[in-house]
């Protein structure tokens, strides 16, 4: 299968691995990674992979004793809110995978291998979800961000005019005061 082919699923017929190895790539809609009849989404906290976006895989499949070895790269687009202004931020997950598929998988260690097909969707779904950002997403907008609260924008302007060397979020002042007291007692 050539790179860039759009498919509906990530089921690879084992008959295609005729000489023991196969370089396989595909692009599927993110919705193809969901369990059939599931209402789940590809989301961690506020960050998600839009179900109408594409997920790409470029994998090397190799028959091994008792199963199938799969190694390669997975990529998917994600979207989420900026941690400061809540405007949308887009990004891309790129991760490598190296997994084993067997007819009798050990829970959490291997993936199931059917007699005629290898369903790669569970592996790709887990790889994408594990790589989604779960920390605060940095604002891509120019400083000051157009949606930044006024008190944060003012603090940033003060720093730019020779104020504090570091941008300080005024919401953390109480915590910083406590930290200062802690340093004095030690």
N, C-alpha and C. Protein backbone atom coordinates (compact mmCIF):
# COMPACT_ATOMS: atom_id res chain seq x y z
N UNK A 1 0.85 -1.16 0.00
CA UNK A 1 0.00 0.00 0.00
C UNK A 1 0.90 1.23 0.00
N UNK A 2 0.63 2.16 -0.84
CA UNK A 2 1.48 3.34 -0.93
C UNK A 2 1.15 4.35 0.14
N UNK A 3 2.13 5.17 0.45
CA UNK A 3 1.96 6.20 1.46
C UNK A 3 0.89 7.17 0.99
N UNK A 4 0.03 7.57 1.91
CA UNK A 4 -0.99 8.54 1.56
C UNK A 4 -2.33 7.92 1.19
N UNK A 5 -2.41 6.59 1.05
CA UNK A 5 -3.69 5.96 0.77
C UNK A 5 -4.61 6.14 1.97
N UNK A 6 -5.85 6.57 1.71
CA UNK A 6 -6.80 6.75 2.80
C UNK A 6 -7.66 5.50 2.88
N UNK A 7 -7.72 4.94 4.08
CA UNK A 7 -8.49 3.72 4.30
C UNK A 7 -9.54 3.97 5.36
N UNK A 8 -10.37 2.97 5.57
CA UNK A 8 -11.41 3.06 6.60
C UNK A 8 -11.00 2.38 7.89
N UNK A 9 -10.02 1.48 7.84
CA UNK A 9 -9.63 0.78 9.06
C UNK A 9 -8.13 0.50 9.04
N UNK A 10 -7.67 0.02 10.18
CA UNK A 10 -6.25 -0.34 10.32
C UNK A 10 -6.11 -1.85 10.47
N UNK A 11 -6.92 -2.61 9.76
CA UNK A 11 -6.80 -4.06 9.75
C UNK A 11 -5.91 -4.46 8.58
N UNK A 12 -4.84 -5.14 8.91
CA UNK A 12 -3.88 -5.55 7.88
C UNK A 12 -4.04 -7.05 7.64
N UNK A 13 -4.36 -7.44 6.40
CA UNK A 13 -4.44 -8.88 6.10
C UNK A 13 -3.06 -9.52 6.22
N UNK A 14 -2.97 -10.59 6.99
CA UNK A 14 -1.68 -11.26 7.20
C UNK A 14 -1.13 -11.87 5.91
N UNK A 15 -2.00 -12.16 4.94
CA UNK A 15 -1.54 -12.73 3.67
C UNK A 15 -0.62 -11.77 2.90
N UNK A 16 -0.71 -10.46 3.24
CA UNK A 16 0.16 -9.48 2.58
C UNK A 16 1.62 -9.60 3.03
N UNK A 17 1.84 -10.29 4.15
CA UNK A 17 3.20 -10.45 4.69
C UNK A 17 3.74 -11.77 4.15
N UNK A 18 3.84 -11.86 2.85
CA UNK A 18 4.18 -13.12 2.20
C UNK A 18 5.62 -13.57 2.46
N UNK A 19 6.57 -12.65 2.50
CA UNK A 19 7.96 -13.05 2.70
C UNK A 19 8.43 -12.79 4.14
N UNK A 20 7.48 -12.62 5.06
CA UNK A 20 7.83 -12.43 6.47
C UNK A 20 7.92 -10.99 6.91
N UNK A 21 8.01 -10.06 5.95
CA UNK A 21 8.11 -8.64 6.30
C UNK A 21 7.23 -7.83 5.36
N UNK A 22 6.76 -6.68 5.89
CA UNK A 22 5.94 -5.78 5.08
C UNK A 22 6.09 -4.37 5.59
N UNK A 23 6.43 -3.45 4.71
CA UNK A 23 6.40 -2.03 5.05
C UNK A 23 5.01 -1.54 4.65
N UNK A 24 4.28 -1.01 5.62
CA UNK A 24 2.87 -0.68 5.41
C UNK A 24 2.58 0.72 5.93
N UNK A 25 1.92 1.52 5.13
CA UNK A 25 1.52 2.85 5.57
C UNK A 25 0.09 3.10 5.15
N UNK A 26 -0.59 3.91 5.94
CA UNK A 26 -1.98 4.23 5.66
C UNK A 26 -2.37 5.50 6.38
N UNK A 27 -3.42 6.10 5.89
CA UNK A 27 -4.02 7.26 6.54
C UNK A 27 -5.50 6.93 6.72
N UNK A 28 -5.96 7.07 7.96
CA UNK A 28 -7.36 6.77 8.27
C UNK A 28 -7.98 7.95 9.00
N UNK A 29 -9.29 8.08 8.95
CA UNK A 29 -9.92 9.11 9.78
C UNK A 29 -9.76 8.73 11.25
N UNK A 30 -9.60 9.71 12.11
CA UNK A 30 -9.43 9.42 13.54
C UNK A 30 -10.60 8.62 14.09
N UNK A 31 -11.78 8.79 13.53
CA UNK A 31 -12.95 8.03 13.99
C UNK A 31 -12.75 6.52 13.84
N UNK A 32 -11.86 6.10 12.93
CA UNK A 32 -11.60 4.67 12.74
C UNK A 32 -10.87 4.06 13.93
N UNK A 33 -10.33 4.88 14.83
CA UNK A 33 -9.62 4.36 16.00
C UNK A 33 -10.55 4.03 17.15
N UNK A 34 -11.80 4.45 17.05
CA UNK A 34 -12.75 4.20 18.13
C UNK A 34 -13.30 2.79 18.03
N UNK A 35 -13.70 2.26 19.18
CA UNK A 35 -14.35 0.96 19.21
C UNK A 35 -15.68 1.06 18.46
N UNK A 36 -16.08 0.00 17.75
CA UNK A 36 -17.37 0.04 17.06
C UNK A 36 -18.50 0.34 18.06
N UNK A 37 -19.42 1.17 17.65
CA UNK A 37 -20.59 1.55 18.45
C UNK A 37 -20.22 2.24 19.76
N UNK A 38 -19.04 2.82 19.82
CA UNK A 38 -18.60 3.52 21.02
C UNK A 38 -18.88 5.00 20.89
N UNK A 39 -19.16 5.65 22.00
CA UNK A 39 -19.37 7.09 22.02
C UNK A 39 -18.12 7.81 22.54
N UNK A 40 -17.04 7.07 22.69
CA UNK A 40 -15.79 7.65 23.17
C UNK A 40 -15.25 8.66 22.17
N UNK A 41 -14.34 9.47 22.65
CA UNK A 41 -13.60 10.38 21.78
C UNK A 41 -12.12 10.16 22.04
N UNK A 42 -11.31 10.72 21.20
CA UNK A 42 -9.87 10.65 21.40
C UNK A 42 -9.49 11.92 22.14
N UNK A 43 -9.62 11.90 23.47
CA UNK A 43 -9.47 13.10 24.28
C UNK A 43 -8.78 12.77 25.58
N UNK A 44 -7.89 13.68 25.98
CA UNK A 44 -7.29 13.69 27.31
C UNK A 44 -7.50 15.10 27.84
N UNK A 45 -8.26 15.23 28.92
CA UNK A 45 -8.60 16.54 29.49
C UNK A 45 -9.27 17.38 28.42
N UNK A 46 -8.72 18.56 28.11
CA UNK A 46 -9.31 19.45 27.11
C UNK A 46 -8.68 19.31 25.73
N UNK A 47 -7.76 18.39 25.57
CA UNK A 47 -7.06 18.21 24.30
C UNK A 47 -7.65 16.99 23.60
N UNK A 48 -7.97 17.16 22.30
CA UNK A 48 -8.57 16.05 21.57
C UNK A 48 -8.05 15.97 20.15
N UNK A 49 -8.20 14.77 19.59
CA UNK A 49 -7.94 14.54 18.18
C UNK A 49 -9.30 14.62 17.50
N UNK A 50 -9.53 15.62 16.65
CA UNK A 50 -10.83 15.73 15.97
C UNK A 50 -11.12 14.45 15.19
N UNK A 51 -12.33 13.94 15.33
CA UNK A 51 -12.67 12.66 14.70
C UNK A 51 -12.68 12.72 13.18
N UNK A 52 -12.77 13.92 12.61
CA UNK A 52 -12.75 14.03 11.15
C UNK A 52 -11.33 14.28 10.61
N UNK A 53 -10.34 14.35 11.50
CA UNK A 53 -8.96 14.56 11.06
C UNK A 53 -8.32 13.22 10.70
N UNK A 54 -7.17 13.28 10.03
CA UNK A 54 -6.48 12.07 9.60
C UNK A 54 -5.43 11.63 10.62
N UNK A 55 -5.28 10.32 10.72
CA UNK A 55 -4.22 9.70 11.51
C UNK A 55 -3.38 8.89 10.53
N UNK A 56 -2.08 9.11 10.54
CA UNK A 56 -1.21 8.40 9.62
C UNK A 56 -0.31 7.43 10.34
N UNK A 57 -0.05 6.31 9.69
CA UNK A 57 0.87 5.31 10.23
C UNK A 57 1.85 4.91 9.13
N UNK A 58 3.07 4.68 9.52
CA UNK A 58 4.10 4.13 8.63
C UNK A 58 4.80 3.05 9.46
N UNK A 59 4.55 1.79 9.12
CA UNK A 59 4.96 0.69 9.99
C UNK A 59 5.71 -0.40 9.22
N UNK A 60 6.56 -1.08 9.95
CA UNK A 60 7.22 -2.29 9.44
C UNK A 60 6.63 -3.45 10.22
N UNK A 61 6.02 -4.38 9.52
CA UNK A 61 5.42 -5.56 10.13
C UNK A 61 6.30 -6.76 9.82
N UNK A 62 6.57 -7.57 10.83
CA UNK A 62 7.44 -8.74 10.63
C UNK A 62 6.88 -9.92 11.39
N UNK A 63 6.73 -11.02 10.69
CA UNK A 63 6.30 -12.25 11.34
C UNK A 63 7.43 -12.76 12.23
N UNK A 64 7.09 -13.07 13.48
CA UNK A 64 8.06 -13.61 14.41
C UNK A 64 7.49 -14.89 14.98
N UNK A 65 8.28 -15.63 15.69
CA UNK A 65 7.82 -16.86 16.30
C UNK A 65 6.65 -16.57 17.23
N UNK A 66 5.49 -17.08 16.89
CA UNK A 66 4.31 -16.91 17.73
C UNK A 66 3.56 -15.62 17.57
N UNK A 67 3.90 -14.81 16.54
CA UNK A 67 3.16 -13.58 16.41
C UNK A 67 3.67 -12.64 15.33
N UNK A 68 3.45 -11.37 15.60
CA UNK A 68 3.79 -10.32 14.65
C UNK A 68 4.42 -9.16 15.40
N UNK A 69 5.56 -8.70 14.90
CA UNK A 69 6.23 -7.53 15.47
C UNK A 69 5.87 -6.33 14.60
N UNK A 70 5.49 -5.22 15.26
CA UNK A 70 5.11 -4.01 14.54
C UNK A 70 5.95 -2.85 15.09
N UNK A 71 6.61 -2.12 14.20
CA UNK A 71 7.42 -0.97 14.61
C UNK A 71 7.26 0.13 13.57
N UNK A 72 7.26 1.36 14.04
CA UNK A 72 7.17 2.47 13.10
C UNK A 72 6.71 3.75 13.76
N UNK A 73 6.04 4.60 12.96
CA UNK A 73 5.63 5.92 13.43
C UNK A 73 4.13 6.12 13.26
N UNK A 74 3.57 6.85 14.21
CA UNK A 74 2.15 7.24 14.19
C UNK A 74 2.10 8.75 14.32
N UNK A 75 1.22 9.39 13.55
CA UNK A 75 1.06 10.84 13.66
C UNK A 75 -0.43 11.19 13.59
N UNK A 76 -0.78 12.23 14.34
CA UNK A 76 -2.17 12.70 14.37
C UNK A 76 -2.20 14.16 14.80
N UNK A 77 -3.16 14.90 14.29
CA UNK A 77 -3.35 16.29 14.68
C UNK A 77 -4.20 16.36 15.93
N UNK A 78 -3.94 17.35 16.78
CA UNK A 78 -4.76 17.56 17.97
C UNK A 78 -5.12 19.03 18.08
N UNK A 79 -6.12 19.32 18.90
CA UNK A 79 -6.52 20.68 19.17
C UNK A 79 -6.89 20.79 20.65
N UNK A 80 -6.64 21.96 21.21
CA UNK A 80 -6.96 22.20 22.61
C UNK A 80 -6.87 23.68 22.91
N UNK A 81 -7.29 24.09 24.10
CA UNK A 81 -7.26 25.51 24.44
C UNK A 81 -5.89 25.94 24.99
N UNK A 82 -5.53 27.18 24.71
CA UNK A 82 -4.34 27.77 25.31
C UNK A 82 -4.55 27.82 26.82
N UNK A 83 -3.51 27.58 27.57
CA UNK A 83 -3.61 27.59 29.04
C UNK A 83 -3.84 28.98 29.60
N UNK A 84 -3.48 30.03 28.86
CA UNK A 84 -3.65 31.39 29.35
C UNK A 84 -4.93 32.04 28.84
N UNK A 85 -5.19 31.94 27.54
CA UNK A 85 -6.29 32.72 26.97
C UNK A 85 -7.46 31.86 26.49
N UNK A 86 -7.31 30.58 26.45
CA UNK A 86 -8.34 29.63 26.04
C UNK A 86 -8.69 29.72 24.56
N UNK A 87 -7.89 30.43 23.75
CA UNK A 87 -8.09 30.39 22.32
C UNK A 87 -7.58 29.05 21.81
N UNK A 88 -8.12 28.54 20.70
CA UNK A 88 -7.70 27.23 20.20
C UNK A 88 -6.22 27.19 19.80
N UNK A 89 -5.60 26.07 20.12
CA UNK A 89 -4.21 25.80 19.75
C UNK A 89 -4.21 24.44 19.06
N UNK A 90 -3.49 24.35 17.95
CA UNK A 90 -3.39 23.09 17.22
C UNK A 90 -1.97 22.56 17.31
N UNK A 91 -1.84 21.25 17.23
CA UNK A 91 -0.52 20.65 17.24
C UNK A 91 -0.57 19.29 16.58
N UNK A 92 0.55 18.60 16.62
CA UNK A 92 0.61 17.27 16.02
C UNK A 92 1.36 16.32 16.93
N UNK A 93 0.82 15.13 17.07
CA UNK A 93 1.45 14.04 17.79
C UNK A 93 2.27 13.26 16.78
N UNK A 94 3.52 13.02 17.11
CA UNK A 94 4.38 12.11 16.32
C UNK A 94 5.06 11.21 17.33
N UNK A 95 4.82 9.94 17.21
CA UNK A 95 5.40 9.01 18.17
C UNK A 95 5.81 7.72 17.47
N UNK A 96 6.76 7.03 18.06
CA UNK A 96 7.18 5.74 17.53
C UNK A 96 6.53 4.63 18.34
N UNK A 97 6.30 3.53 17.68
CA UNK A 97 5.71 2.36 18.33
C UNK A 97 6.58 1.15 18.04
N UNK A 98 6.59 0.24 18.98
CA UNK A 98 7.25 -1.05 18.83
C UNK A 98 6.46 -2.01 19.70
N UNK A 99 5.63 -2.83 19.06
CA UNK A 99 4.71 -3.70 19.79
C UNK A 99 4.71 -5.10 19.20
N UNK A 100 4.16 -6.04 19.99
CA UNK A 100 4.04 -7.43 19.56
C UNK A 100 2.56 -7.82 19.61
N UNK A 101 2.12 -8.50 18.55
CA UNK A 101 0.76 -9.03 18.45
C UNK A 101 0.85 -10.54 18.49
N UNK A 102 0.02 -11.19 19.33
CA UNK A 102 0.00 -12.65 19.41
C UNK A 102 -1.44 -13.14 19.45
N UNK A 103 -1.61 -14.42 19.14
CA UNK A 103 -2.95 -15.02 19.17
C UNK A 103 -3.49 -15.08 20.60
N UNK A 104 -2.60 -15.24 21.58
CA UNK A 104 -3.01 -15.29 22.98
C UNK A 104 -2.22 -14.21 23.74
N UNK A 105 -2.67 -12.96 23.65
CA UNK A 105 -1.90 -11.87 24.25
C UNK A 105 -1.98 -11.84 25.77
N UNK A 106 -0.91 -11.39 26.39
CA UNK A 106 -0.90 -11.14 27.83
C UNK A 106 -1.41 -9.72 28.03
N UNK A 107 -2.39 -9.56 28.91
CA UNK A 107 -3.03 -8.27 29.16
C UNK A 107 -2.01 -7.18 29.46
N UNK A 108 -2.08 -6.09 28.70
CA UNK A 108 -1.20 -4.94 28.92
C UNK A 108 0.20 -5.09 28.34
N UNK A 109 0.54 -6.24 27.80
CA UNK A 109 1.89 -6.46 27.26
C UNK A 109 1.89 -6.66 25.76
N UNK A 110 0.81 -7.24 25.22
CA UNK A 110 0.74 -7.56 23.80
C UNK A 110 -0.67 -7.26 23.30
N UNK A 111 -0.79 -7.20 22.00
CA UNK A 111 -2.09 -6.99 21.36
C UNK A 111 -2.54 -8.29 20.71
N UNK A 112 -3.86 -8.42 20.54
CA UNK A 112 -4.42 -9.62 19.94
C UNK A 112 -4.19 -9.69 18.44
N UNK A 113 -3.94 -10.89 17.97
CA UNK A 113 -3.71 -11.14 16.56
C UNK A 113 -4.74 -12.15 16.08
N UNK A 114 -5.54 -11.76 15.11
CA UNK A 114 -6.54 -12.67 14.55
C UNK A 114 -5.89 -13.66 13.61
N UNK A 115 -6.65 -14.68 13.19
CA UNK A 115 -6.08 -15.70 12.29
C UNK A 115 -5.78 -15.17 10.89
N UNK A 116 -6.50 -14.12 10.45
CA UNK A 116 -6.30 -13.61 9.10
C UNK A 116 -5.90 -12.13 9.06
N UNK A 117 -6.15 -11.40 10.16
CA UNK A 117 -5.90 -9.96 10.18
C UNK A 117 -5.20 -9.53 11.45
N UNK A 118 -4.43 -8.45 11.35
CA UNK A 118 -3.88 -7.77 12.52
C UNK A 118 -4.62 -6.44 12.62
N UNK A 119 -5.39 -6.26 13.69
CA UNK A 119 -6.11 -5.00 13.89
C UNK A 119 -5.19 -4.06 14.64
N UNK A 120 -4.66 -3.05 13.94
CA UNK A 120 -3.69 -2.12 14.52
C UNK A 120 -4.36 -0.96 15.24
N UNK A 121 -5.67 -0.81 15.13
CA UNK A 121 -6.38 0.34 15.70
C UNK A 121 -6.16 0.49 17.21
N UNK A 122 -6.28 -0.57 18.03
CA UNK A 122 -6.05 -0.38 19.48
C UNK A 122 -4.65 0.13 19.80
N UNK A 123 -3.65 -0.37 19.09
CA UNK A 123 -2.27 0.08 19.32
C UNK A 123 -2.11 1.55 18.93
N UNK A 124 -2.65 1.93 17.78
CA UNK A 124 -2.53 3.31 17.31
C UNK A 124 -3.30 4.24 18.24
N UNK A 125 -4.49 3.85 18.66
CA UNK A 125 -5.29 4.67 19.59
C UNK A 125 -4.52 4.93 20.88
N UNK A 126 -3.95 3.89 21.47
CA UNK A 126 -3.18 4.06 22.71
C UNK A 126 -1.94 4.94 22.50
N UNK A 127 -1.26 4.75 21.38
CA UNK A 127 -0.06 5.55 21.11
C UNK A 127 -0.42 7.03 21.00
N UNK A 128 -1.51 7.34 20.31
CA UNK A 128 -1.93 8.73 20.16
C UNK A 128 -2.35 9.31 21.50
N UNK A 129 -3.18 8.61 22.25
CA UNK A 129 -3.67 9.13 23.53
C UNK A 129 -2.53 9.35 24.53
N UNK A 130 -1.55 8.46 24.52
CA UNK A 130 -0.42 8.60 25.46
C UNK A 130 0.46 9.80 25.12
N UNK A 131 0.42 10.28 23.89
CA UNK A 131 1.28 11.40 23.48
C UNK A 131 0.57 12.75 23.48
N UNK A 132 -0.74 12.78 23.71
CA UNK A 132 -1.43 14.07 23.75
C UNK A 132 -0.92 14.89 24.92
N UNK A 133 -0.77 16.20 24.74
CA UNK A 133 -0.28 17.03 25.84
C UNK A 133 -1.31 17.09 26.97
N UNK A 134 -0.85 16.90 28.20
CA UNK A 134 -1.76 17.00 29.34
C UNK A 134 -1.39 18.17 30.23
N UNK A 135 -0.29 18.84 29.94
CA UNK A 135 0.09 20.01 30.70
C UNK A 135 -0.45 21.25 30.00
N UNK A 136 -0.20 22.38 30.58
CA UNK A 136 -0.65 23.63 29.99
C UNK A 136 -0.03 23.82 28.60
N UNK A 137 -0.85 24.19 27.65
CA UNK A 137 -0.40 24.42 26.29
C UNK A 137 -0.01 25.88 26.17
N UNK A 138 1.19 26.14 25.69
CA UNK A 138 1.69 27.52 25.54
C UNK A 138 0.90 28.26 24.48
N UNK A 139 0.71 29.53 24.73
CA UNK A 139 -0.04 30.40 23.82
C UNK A 139 0.80 30.69 22.58
N UNK A 140 0.27 30.43 21.39
CA UNK A 140 1.01 30.71 20.17
C UNK A 140 0.84 32.15 19.68
N UNK A 141 -0.04 32.89 20.35
CA UNK A 141 -0.34 34.24 19.92
C UNK A 141 0.79 35.18 20.34
N UNK A 142 0.96 36.28 19.60
CA UNK A 142 2.02 37.23 19.95
C UNK A 142 1.75 37.86 21.31
N UNK A 143 2.83 38.27 21.96
CA UNK A 143 2.71 38.91 23.27
C UNK A 143 2.25 40.34 23.10
N UNK A 144 1.41 40.90 23.86
CA UNK A 144 0.52 40.15 24.73
C UNK A 144 -0.61 39.52 23.92
N UNK A 145 -1.04 38.39 24.34
CA UNK A 145 -2.10 37.65 23.68
C UNK A 145 -3.37 38.51 23.66
N UNK A 146 -4.10 38.54 22.56
CA UNK A 146 -5.29 39.39 22.46
C UNK A 146 -6.40 39.01 23.44
N UNK A 147 -6.36 37.83 23.99
CA UNK A 147 -7.41 37.40 24.91
C UNK A 147 -6.90 37.28 26.35
N UNK A 148 -5.69 37.77 26.60
CA UNK A 148 -5.08 37.68 27.92
C UNK A 148 -5.79 38.63 28.89
N UNK A 149 -6.09 38.20 30.12
CA UNK A 149 -6.72 39.10 31.09
C UNK A 149 -5.86 40.35 31.31
N UNK A 150 -6.49 41.48 31.57
CA UNK A 150 -5.80 42.78 31.68
C UNK A 150 -4.68 42.75 32.71
N UNK A 151 -4.91 42.14 33.89
CA UNK A 151 -3.87 42.15 34.92
C UNK A 151 -2.63 41.38 34.49
N UNK A 152 -2.80 40.34 33.68
CA UNK A 152 -1.64 39.61 33.19
C UNK A 152 -0.93 40.39 32.09
N UNK A 153 -1.69 41.07 31.22
CA UNK A 153 -1.09 41.87 30.17
C UNK A 153 -0.29 43.03 30.77
N UNK A 154 -0.82 43.68 31.83
CA UNK A 154 -0.11 44.78 32.50
C UNK A 154 1.18 44.29 33.14
N UNK A 155 1.14 43.13 33.79
CA UNK A 155 2.34 42.58 34.42
C UNK A 155 3.41 42.30 33.38
N UNK A 156 2.98 41.83 32.20
CA UNK A 156 3.94 41.56 31.14
C UNK A 156 4.54 42.85 30.61
N UNK A 157 3.74 43.90 30.46
CA UNK A 157 4.24 45.19 29.99
C UNK A 157 5.25 45.78 30.98
N UNK A 158 4.98 45.64 32.30
CA UNK A 158 5.91 46.13 33.32
C UNK A 158 7.26 45.44 33.18
N UNK A 159 7.23 44.13 32.95
CA UNK A 159 8.47 43.37 32.82
C UNK A 159 9.24 43.82 31.59
N UNK A 160 8.52 44.14 30.50
CA UNK A 160 9.17 44.58 29.27
C UNK A 160 9.81 45.96 29.44
N UNK A 161 9.29 46.79 30.36
CA UNK A 161 9.80 48.14 30.58
C UNK A 161 10.84 48.19 31.69
N UNK A 162 11.49 47.10 31.98
CA UNK A 162 12.54 47.11 32.99
C UNK A 162 12.04 46.72 34.37
N UNK A 163 10.84 46.20 34.45
CA UNK A 163 10.29 45.74 35.73
C UNK A 163 10.96 44.44 36.12
N UNK A 164 10.25 43.59 36.78
CA UNK A 164 10.83 42.30 37.18
C UNK A 164 11.39 41.55 35.97
N UNK A 165 12.52 40.89 36.16
CA UNK A 165 13.18 40.19 35.06
C UNK A 165 12.35 39.02 34.57
N UNK A 166 11.49 38.51 35.40
CA UNK A 166 10.71 37.34 35.06
C UNK A 166 9.23 37.71 35.00
N UNK A 167 8.49 37.15 34.06
CA UNK A 167 7.06 37.39 33.96
C UNK A 167 6.38 36.68 35.12
N UNK A 168 5.74 37.45 36.00
CA UNK A 168 5.10 36.87 37.18
C UNK A 168 3.59 36.97 37.04
N UNK A 169 2.92 35.89 37.22
CA UNK A 169 1.47 35.84 37.17
C UNK A 169 0.95 36.30 38.53
N UNK A 170 0.17 37.40 38.57
CA UNK A 170 -0.29 37.92 39.86
C UNK A 170 -1.17 36.94 40.63
N UNK A 171 -1.71 35.95 39.96
CA UNK A 171 -2.55 34.97 40.67
C UNK A 171 -1.72 34.11 41.61
N UNK A 172 -0.39 34.10 41.46
CA UNK A 172 0.48 33.28 42.29
C UNK A 172 1.13 34.07 43.42
N UNK A 173 0.81 35.36 43.59
CA UNK A 173 1.47 36.18 44.59
C UNK A 173 1.33 35.63 46.01
N UNK A 174 0.16 35.13 46.36
CA UNK A 174 -0.04 34.59 47.72
C UNK A 174 0.87 33.39 47.96
N UNK A 175 1.00 32.54 46.97
CA UNK A 175 1.87 31.37 47.11
C UNK A 175 3.33 31.81 47.22
N UNK A 176 3.74 32.79 46.44
CA UNK A 176 5.11 33.29 46.51
C UNK A 176 5.39 33.89 47.89
N UNK A 177 4.40 34.58 48.48
CA UNK A 177 4.58 35.15 49.82
C UNK A 177 4.80 34.04 50.84
N UNK A 178 4.05 32.96 50.72
CA UNK A 178 4.24 31.82 51.62
C UNK A 178 5.62 31.20 51.43
N UNK A 179 6.06 31.11 50.20
CA UNK A 179 7.38 30.54 49.93
C UNK A 179 8.45 31.41 50.57
N UNK A 180 8.29 32.74 50.51
CA UNK A 180 9.24 33.65 51.11
C UNK A 180 9.32 33.46 52.61
N UNK A 181 8.18 33.26 53.26
CA UNK A 181 8.17 33.00 54.71
C UNK A 181 8.87 31.69 55.04
N UNK A 182 8.68 30.69 54.20
CA UNK A 182 9.31 29.40 54.42
C UNK A 182 10.83 29.53 54.34
N UNK A 183 11.33 30.33 53.38
CA UNK A 183 12.78 30.52 53.23
C UNK A 183 13.37 31.23 54.45
N UNK A 184 12.60 32.16 55.06
CA UNK A 184 13.08 32.91 56.21
C UNK A 184 13.22 32.04 57.45
N UNK A 185 12.37 31.01 57.58
CA UNK A 185 12.40 30.16 58.77
C UNK A 185 13.47 29.08 58.71
N UNK A 186 14.01 28.81 57.54
CA UNK A 186 14.99 27.72 57.44
C UNK A 186 16.40 28.20 57.56
